[in-house]
Amino acid sequence: MSDWMPEAGAPPASTPGEPVTEEPDRPGDGPVPDVPSFEPAGPAPLGVVRTPTGRAEVDALLERLADADHLPADGHTEVYEDVHRGLKDALTSLDARPAAAPGPRPVTPPAYDTHDNRS
């Protein structure tokens, strides 16, 4: 165990997150370094510009990507999967052809015999 005690009138030791200050009692030592934080940074927008496509369904899905800007990284997967599923459905719907409506069949004229069989 140490018997060391700070000098009378010495400033208290800094704690993490305190601003860097000059200690006038110890000339030449310079500023006390700020202790770095090891906490993860908060969510921040990436600033990706989304250009409208002109298709409301697709544009709404692309705007949904902005939701990921406000979530921690482990929440991005749900947003990306949701958007991917929606875009896949939109593309699939483009390949689907509407069923042909039943209607009248075209009339084909009867074939005429070009040989005269009345002889």
N, C-alpha and C. Protein backbone atom coordinates (compact mmCIF):
# COMPACT_ATOMS: atom_id res chain seq x y z
N MET A 1 0.83 -1.17 0.00
CA MET A 1 0.00 0.00 0.00
C MET A 1 0.88 1.23 0.00
N SER A 2 0.47 2.26 -0.69
CA SER A 2 1.27 3.48 -0.82
C SER A 2 0.85 4.51 0.21
N ASP A 3 1.83 5.26 0.71
CA ASP A 3 1.55 6.34 1.66
C ASP A 3 1.53 7.68 0.95
N TRP A 4 1.53 7.68 -0.37
CA TRP A 4 1.59 8.94 -1.12
C TRP A 4 0.29 9.70 -0.96
N MET A 5 0.43 10.98 -0.75
CA MET A 5 -0.71 11.88 -0.62
C MET A 5 -0.45 13.08 -1.51
N PRO A 6 -1.49 13.61 -2.18
CA PRO A 6 -1.24 14.79 -3.01
C PRO A 6 -0.87 15.97 -2.11
N GLU A 7 -0.08 16.89 -2.71
CA GLU A 7 0.30 18.10 -1.97
C GLU A 7 -0.94 18.89 -1.63
N ALA A 8 -0.84 19.61 -0.53
CA ALA A 8 -1.96 20.48 -0.15
C ALA A 8 -2.16 21.50 -1.24
N GLY A 9 -3.39 21.70 -1.68
CA GLY A 9 -3.71 22.68 -2.72
C GLY A 9 -3.54 22.16 -4.14
N ALA A 10 -3.08 20.88 -4.30
CA ALA A 10 -2.92 20.32 -5.66
C ALA A 10 -4.30 20.03 -6.24
N PRO A 11 -4.47 20.27 -7.55
CA PRO A 11 -5.78 19.99 -8.15
C PRO A 11 -6.05 18.50 -8.15
N PRO A 12 -7.31 18.10 -8.11
CA PRO A 12 -7.63 16.67 -8.14
C PRO A 12 -7.28 16.08 -9.50
N ALA A 13 -7.05 14.78 -9.52
CA ALA A 13 -6.77 14.07 -10.79
C ALA A 13 -8.00 14.15 -11.68
N SER A 14 -7.79 14.23 -13.01
CA SER A 14 -8.93 14.33 -13.92
C SER A 14 -9.57 12.97 -14.10
N THR A 15 -10.82 12.99 -14.46
CA THR A 15 -11.56 11.77 -14.72
C THR A 15 -11.88 11.73 -16.20
N PRO A 16 -12.14 10.52 -16.76
CA PRO A 16 -12.44 10.43 -18.19
C PRO A 16 -13.62 11.33 -18.57
N GLY A 17 -13.47 12.00 -19.68
CA GLY A 17 -14.53 12.85 -20.20
C GLY A 17 -14.37 14.30 -19.78
N GLU A 18 -13.45 14.59 -18.85
CA GLU A 18 -13.22 15.98 -18.47
C GLU A 18 -12.42 16.67 -19.55
N PRO A 19 -12.60 17.97 -19.71
CA PRO A 19 -11.82 18.69 -20.71
C PRO A 19 -10.35 18.77 -20.29
N VAL A 20 -9.48 18.94 -21.28
CA VAL A 20 -8.05 19.08 -21.02
C VAL A 20 -7.83 20.44 -20.38
N THR A 21 -7.06 20.46 -19.30
CA THR A 21 -6.79 21.73 -18.62
C THR A 21 -5.30 21.90 -18.37
N GLU A 22 -4.87 23.13 -18.24
CA GLU A 22 -3.50 23.43 -17.85
C GLU A 22 -3.41 23.33 -16.33
N GLU A 23 -2.34 22.78 -15.83
CA GLU A 23 -2.12 22.73 -14.39
C GLU A 23 -1.01 23.72 -14.05
N PRO A 24 -1.37 24.87 -13.51
CA PRO A 24 -0.37 25.88 -13.23
C PRO A 24 0.63 25.47 -12.16
N ASP A 25 0.31 24.49 -11.30
CA ASP A 25 1.22 24.07 -10.24
C ASP A 25 2.41 23.28 -10.78
N ARG A 26 2.31 22.80 -12.04
CA ARG A 26 3.38 21.98 -12.60
C ARG A 26 3.80 22.56 -13.94
N PRO A 27 4.56 23.65 -13.93
CA PRO A 27 4.96 24.27 -15.18
C PRO A 27 5.80 23.32 -16.03
N GLY A 28 5.60 23.42 -17.34
CA GLY A 28 6.38 22.63 -18.29
C GLY A 28 5.78 21.28 -18.61
N ASP A 29 4.82 20.82 -17.80
CA ASP A 29 4.21 19.52 -18.08
C ASP A 29 3.20 19.61 -19.22
N GLY A 30 2.65 20.78 -19.48
CA GLY A 30 1.68 20.96 -20.56
C GLY A 30 0.31 20.47 -20.16
N PRO A 31 -0.59 20.37 -21.14
CA PRO A 31 -1.97 19.98 -20.85
C PRO A 31 -2.05 18.52 -20.42
N VAL A 32 -3.03 18.24 -19.61
CA VAL A 32 -3.31 16.87 -19.21
C VAL A 32 -4.13 16.25 -20.34
N PRO A 33 -3.67 15.11 -20.91
CA PRO A 33 -4.41 14.53 -22.05
C PRO A 33 -5.78 14.03 -21.61
N ASP A 34 -6.74 14.22 -22.52
CA ASP A 34 -8.09 13.73 -22.30
C ASP A 34 -8.08 12.22 -22.54
N VAL A 35 -8.72 11.47 -21.70
CA VAL A 35 -8.77 10.03 -21.85
C VAL A 35 -9.76 9.69 -22.96
N PRO A 36 -9.34 8.88 -23.97
CA PRO A 36 -10.26 8.56 -25.07
C PRO A 36 -11.42 7.69 -24.57
N SER A 37 -12.55 7.86 -25.21
CA SER A 37 -13.72 7.05 -24.90
C SER A 37 -13.72 5.82 -25.80
N PHE A 38 -14.06 4.70 -25.20
CA PHE A 38 -14.14 3.47 -25.99
C PHE A 38 -15.58 3.07 -26.26
N GLU A 39 -16.49 4.00 -26.03
CA GLU A 39 -17.89 3.78 -26.33
C GLU A 39 -18.10 3.86 -27.84
N PRO A 40 -18.98 3.02 -28.40
CA PRO A 40 -19.23 3.11 -29.85
C PRO A 40 -19.90 4.44 -30.19
N ALA A 41 -19.58 4.92 -31.36
CA ALA A 41 -20.20 6.16 -31.85
C ALA A 41 -21.68 5.90 -32.11
N GLY A 42 -22.48 6.91 -31.99
CA GLY A 42 -23.91 6.78 -32.25
C GLY A 42 -24.19 6.70 -33.74
N PRO A 43 -25.41 6.35 -34.11
CA PRO A 43 -25.78 6.28 -35.53
C PRO A 43 -25.61 7.65 -36.18
N ALA A 44 -25.17 7.63 -37.42
CA ALA A 44 -25.00 8.87 -38.18
C ALA A 44 -25.40 8.62 -39.63
N PRO A 45 -26.14 9.56 -40.24
CA PRO A 45 -26.54 9.39 -41.64
C PRO A 45 -25.32 9.29 -42.55
N LEU A 46 -25.43 8.46 -43.58
CA LEU A 46 -24.35 8.31 -44.54
C LEU A 46 -24.38 9.40 -45.59
N GLY A 47 -25.52 10.04 -45.76
CA GLY A 47 -25.62 11.11 -46.74
C GLY A 47 -25.75 10.61 -48.17
N VAL A 48 -26.25 9.40 -48.35
CA VAL A 48 -26.42 8.84 -49.70
C VAL A 48 -27.64 9.49 -50.34
N VAL A 49 -27.46 10.03 -51.52
CA VAL A 49 -28.54 10.68 -52.24
C VAL A 49 -29.34 9.62 -52.99
N ARG A 50 -30.64 9.64 -52.82
CA ARG A 50 -31.51 8.69 -53.52
C ARG A 50 -32.26 9.44 -54.62
N THR A 51 -32.06 9.02 -55.85
CA THR A 51 -32.69 9.64 -57.00
C THR A 51 -34.04 8.97 -57.25
N PRO A 52 -35.13 9.74 -57.33
CA PRO A 52 -36.44 9.14 -57.58
C PRO A 52 -36.45 8.38 -58.91
N THR A 53 -37.16 7.25 -58.92
CA THR A 53 -37.25 6.42 -60.11
C THR A 53 -38.49 6.72 -60.93
N GLY A 54 -39.48 7.37 -60.32
CA GLY A 54 -40.73 7.63 -61.00
C GLY A 54 -41.77 6.56 -60.74
N ARG A 55 -41.37 5.49 -60.07
CA ARG A 55 -42.32 4.43 -59.67
C ARG A 55 -42.53 4.58 -58.17
N ALA A 56 -43.73 4.93 -57.76
CA ALA A 56 -44.03 5.24 -56.36
C ALA A 56 -43.65 4.10 -55.42
N GLU A 57 -43.93 2.87 -55.82
CA GLU A 57 -43.64 1.72 -54.97
C GLU A 57 -42.13 1.60 -54.71
N VAL A 58 -41.34 1.75 -55.76
CA VAL A 58 -39.88 1.64 -55.65
C VAL A 58 -39.32 2.83 -54.88
N ASP A 59 -39.81 4.02 -55.16
CA ASP A 59 -39.33 5.21 -54.45
C ASP A 59 -39.60 5.12 -52.95
N ALA A 60 -40.74 4.57 -52.57
CA ALA A 60 -41.07 4.41 -51.14
C ALA A 60 -40.09 3.43 -50.49
N LEU A 61 -39.74 2.37 -51.20
CA LEU A 61 -38.79 1.40 -50.66
C LEU A 61 -37.40 2.02 -50.51
N LEU A 62 -36.99 2.81 -51.47
CA LEU A 62 -35.68 3.46 -51.38
C LEU A 62 -35.65 4.48 -50.24
N GLU A 63 -36.75 5.15 -50.00
CA GLU A 63 -36.82 6.09 -48.88
C GLU A 63 -36.75 5.34 -47.55
N ARG A 64 -37.22 4.11 -47.54
CA ARG A 64 -37.15 3.28 -46.32
C ARG A 64 -35.71 3.06 -45.90
N LEU A 65 -34.77 3.10 -46.83
CA LEU A 65 -33.36 2.94 -46.49
C LEU A 65 -32.89 4.01 -45.51
N ALA A 66 -33.52 5.18 -45.54
CA ALA A 66 -33.14 6.26 -44.62
C ALA A 66 -33.39 5.86 -43.16
N ASP A 67 -34.27 4.90 -42.93
CA ASP A 67 -34.51 4.43 -41.56
C ASP A 67 -33.25 3.85 -40.93
N ALA A 68 -32.38 3.27 -41.76
CA ALA A 68 -31.14 2.69 -41.24
C ALA A 68 -30.20 3.77 -40.71
N ASP A 69 -30.34 5.01 -41.17
CA ASP A 69 -29.48 6.09 -40.70
C ASP A 69 -29.63 6.37 -39.22
N HIS A 70 -30.76 6.00 -38.64
CA HIS A 70 -31.05 6.32 -37.25
C HIS A 70 -30.96 5.10 -36.34
N LEU A 71 -30.47 3.99 -36.88
CA LEU A 71 -30.38 2.75 -36.11
C LEU A 71 -28.93 2.36 -35.90
N PRO A 72 -28.64 1.65 -34.81
CA PRO A 72 -27.30 1.09 -34.68
C PRO A 72 -27.10 0.01 -35.75
N ALA A 73 -25.86 -0.34 -36.00
CA ALA A 73 -25.54 -1.27 -37.10
C ALA A 73 -26.32 -2.57 -37.02
N ASP A 74 -26.56 -3.09 -35.82
CA ASP A 74 -27.29 -4.37 -35.74
C ASP A 74 -28.75 -4.24 -36.13
N GLY A 75 -29.28 -3.04 -36.30
CA GLY A 75 -30.65 -2.84 -36.77
C GLY A 75 -30.75 -2.65 -38.27
N HIS A 76 -29.63 -2.51 -38.95
CA HIS A 76 -29.64 -2.29 -40.40
C HIS A 76 -30.15 -3.49 -41.16
N THR A 77 -29.83 -4.68 -40.70
CA THR A 77 -30.19 -5.90 -41.43
C THR A 77 -31.69 -5.98 -41.68
N GLU A 78 -32.48 -5.67 -40.68
CA GLU A 78 -33.94 -5.75 -40.83
C GLU A 78 -34.43 -4.79 -41.92
N VAL A 79 -33.89 -3.57 -41.93
CA VAL A 79 -34.29 -2.58 -42.93
C VAL A 79 -33.88 -3.05 -44.32
N TYR A 80 -32.61 -3.50 -44.46
CA TYR A 80 -32.12 -3.92 -45.78
C TYR A 80 -32.90 -5.12 -46.30
N GLU A 81 -33.22 -6.08 -45.43
CA GLU A 81 -33.99 -7.24 -45.88
C GLU A 81 -35.40 -6.85 -46.30
N ASP A 82 -36.00 -5.92 -45.57
CA ASP A 82 -37.34 -5.45 -45.91
C ASP A 82 -37.34 -4.77 -47.28
N VAL A 83 -36.36 -3.90 -47.51
CA VAL A 83 -36.27 -3.20 -48.79
C VAL A 83 -35.97 -4.19 -49.91
N HIS A 84 -35.06 -5.13 -49.67
CA HIS A 84 -34.73 -6.13 -50.69
C HIS A 84 -35.95 -6.94 -51.08
N ARG A 85 -36.72 -7.37 -50.08
CA ARG A 85 -37.94 -8.15 -50.34
C ARG A 85 -38.92 -7.33 -51.19
N GLY A 86 -39.10 -6.05 -50.84
CA GLY A 86 -40.02 -5.19 -51.59
C GLY A 86 -39.57 -4.97 -53.02
N LEU A 87 -38.26 -4.74 -53.22
CA LEU A 87 -37.75 -4.55 -54.59
C LEU A 87 -37.86 -5.83 -55.41
N LYS A 88 -37.63 -6.95 -54.77
CA LYS A 88 -37.76 -8.24 -55.46
C LYS A 88 -39.21 -8.45 -55.90
N ASP A 89 -40.17 -8.14 -55.02
CA ASP A 89 -41.58 -8.27 -55.37
C ASP A 89 -41.95 -7.33 -56.52
N ALA A 90 -41.40 -6.10 -56.49
CA ALA A 90 -41.70 -5.13 -57.56
C ALA A 90 -41.16 -5.63 -58.90
N LEU A 91 -39.97 -6.22 -58.90
CA LEU A 91 -39.41 -6.75 -60.15
C LEU A 91 -40.19 -7.96 -60.63
N THR A 92 -40.59 -8.81 -59.70
CA THR A 92 -41.37 -10.00 -60.07
C THR A 92 -42.69 -9.59 -60.69
N SER A 93 -43.30 -8.53 -60.18
CA SER A 93 -44.59 -8.10 -60.73
C SER A 93 -44.44 -7.58 -62.16
N LEU A 94 -43.26 -7.11 -62.52
CA LEU A 94 -43.04 -6.66 -63.90
C LEU A 94 -43.04 -7.83 -64.88
N ASP A 95 -42.60 -9.00 -64.40
CA ASP A 95 -42.55 -10.19 -65.26
C ASP A 95 -43.90 -10.86 -65.39
N ALA A 96 -44.79 -10.63 -64.45
CA ALA A 96 -46.10 -11.27 -64.50
C ALA A 96 -46.93 -10.64 -65.61
N ARG A 97 -47.46 -11.46 -66.45
CA ARG A 97 -48.32 -10.97 -67.55
C ARG A 97 -49.76 -11.17 -67.14
N PRO A 98 -50.60 -10.19 -67.38
CA PRO A 98 -52.02 -10.38 -67.02
C PRO A 98 -52.62 -11.49 -67.88
N ALA A 99 -53.52 -12.26 -67.28
CA ALA A 99 -54.18 -13.34 -68.01
C ALA A 99 -55.04 -12.74 -69.12
N ALA A 100 -55.04 -13.42 -70.26
CA ALA A 100 -55.83 -12.94 -71.40
C ALA A 100 -57.31 -13.09 -71.07
N ALA A 101 -58.04 -12.06 -71.33
CA ALA A 101 -59.48 -12.09 -71.08
C ALA A 101 -60.14 -12.93 -72.16
N PRO A 102 -61.09 -13.79 -71.76
CA PRO A 102 -61.78 -14.58 -72.79
C PRO A 102 -62.62 -13.66 -73.67
N GLY A 103 -62.60 -13.95 -74.90
CA GLY A 103 -63.35 -13.12 -75.85
C GLY A 103 -63.76 -13.96 -77.04
N PRO A 104 -64.37 -13.31 -78.00
CA PRO A 104 -64.78 -14.07 -79.19
C PRO A 104 -63.56 -14.56 -79.95
N ARG A 105 -63.73 -15.72 -80.51
CA ARG A 105 -62.65 -16.27 -81.33
C ARG A 105 -62.72 -15.63 -82.70
N PRO A 106 -61.59 -15.42 -83.31
CA PRO A 106 -61.62 -14.81 -84.65
C PRO A 106 -62.34 -15.73 -85.65
N VAL A 107 -63.06 -15.13 -86.55
CA VAL A 107 -63.81 -15.88 -87.56
C VAL A 107 -62.88 -16.14 -88.74
N THR A 108 -62.78 -17.39 -89.10
CA THR A 108 -61.97 -17.76 -90.25
C THR A 108 -62.92 -18.09 -91.39
N PRO A 109 -62.74 -17.41 -92.51
CA PRO A 109 -63.65 -17.72 -93.63
C PRO A 109 -63.47 -19.17 -94.08
N PRO A 110 -64.55 -19.79 -94.54
CA PRO A 110 -64.43 -21.18 -94.99
C PRO A 110 -63.56 -21.25 -96.25
N ALA A 111 -62.92 -22.36 -96.39
CA ALA A 111 -62.10 -22.55 -97.59
C ALA A 111 -63.00 -22.88 -98.77
N TYR A 112 -62.77 -22.24 -99.90
CA TYR A 112 -63.58 -22.50 -101.08
C TYR A 112 -62.83 -23.44 -102.00
N ASP A 113 -63.62 -24.35 -102.57
CA ASP A 113 -63.04 -25.28 -103.51
C ASP A 113 -62.89 -24.59 -104.85
N THR A 114 -61.73 -24.58 -105.36
CA THR A 114 -61.49 -23.89 -106.65
C THR A 114 -61.81 -24.78 -107.83
N HIS A 115 -62.09 -26.03 -107.61
CA HIS A 115 -62.45 -26.92 -108.73
C HIS A 115 -63.95 -27.00 -108.85
N ASP A 116 -64.40 -26.96 -110.08
CA ASP A 116 -65.84 -27.06 -110.33
C ASP A 116 -66.17 -28.52 -110.49
N ASN A 117 -66.95 -29.05 -109.58
CA ASN A 117 -67.30 -30.48 -109.61
C ASN A 117 -68.67 -30.71 -110.26
N ARG A 118 -69.25 -29.77 -110.98
CA ARG A 118 -70.59 -29.93 -111.54
C ARG A 118 -70.55 -30.49 -112.97
N SER A 119 -69.76 -31.13 -113.34
CA SER A 119 -69.76 -31.56 -114.72
C SER A 119 -70.58 -32.73 -115.01
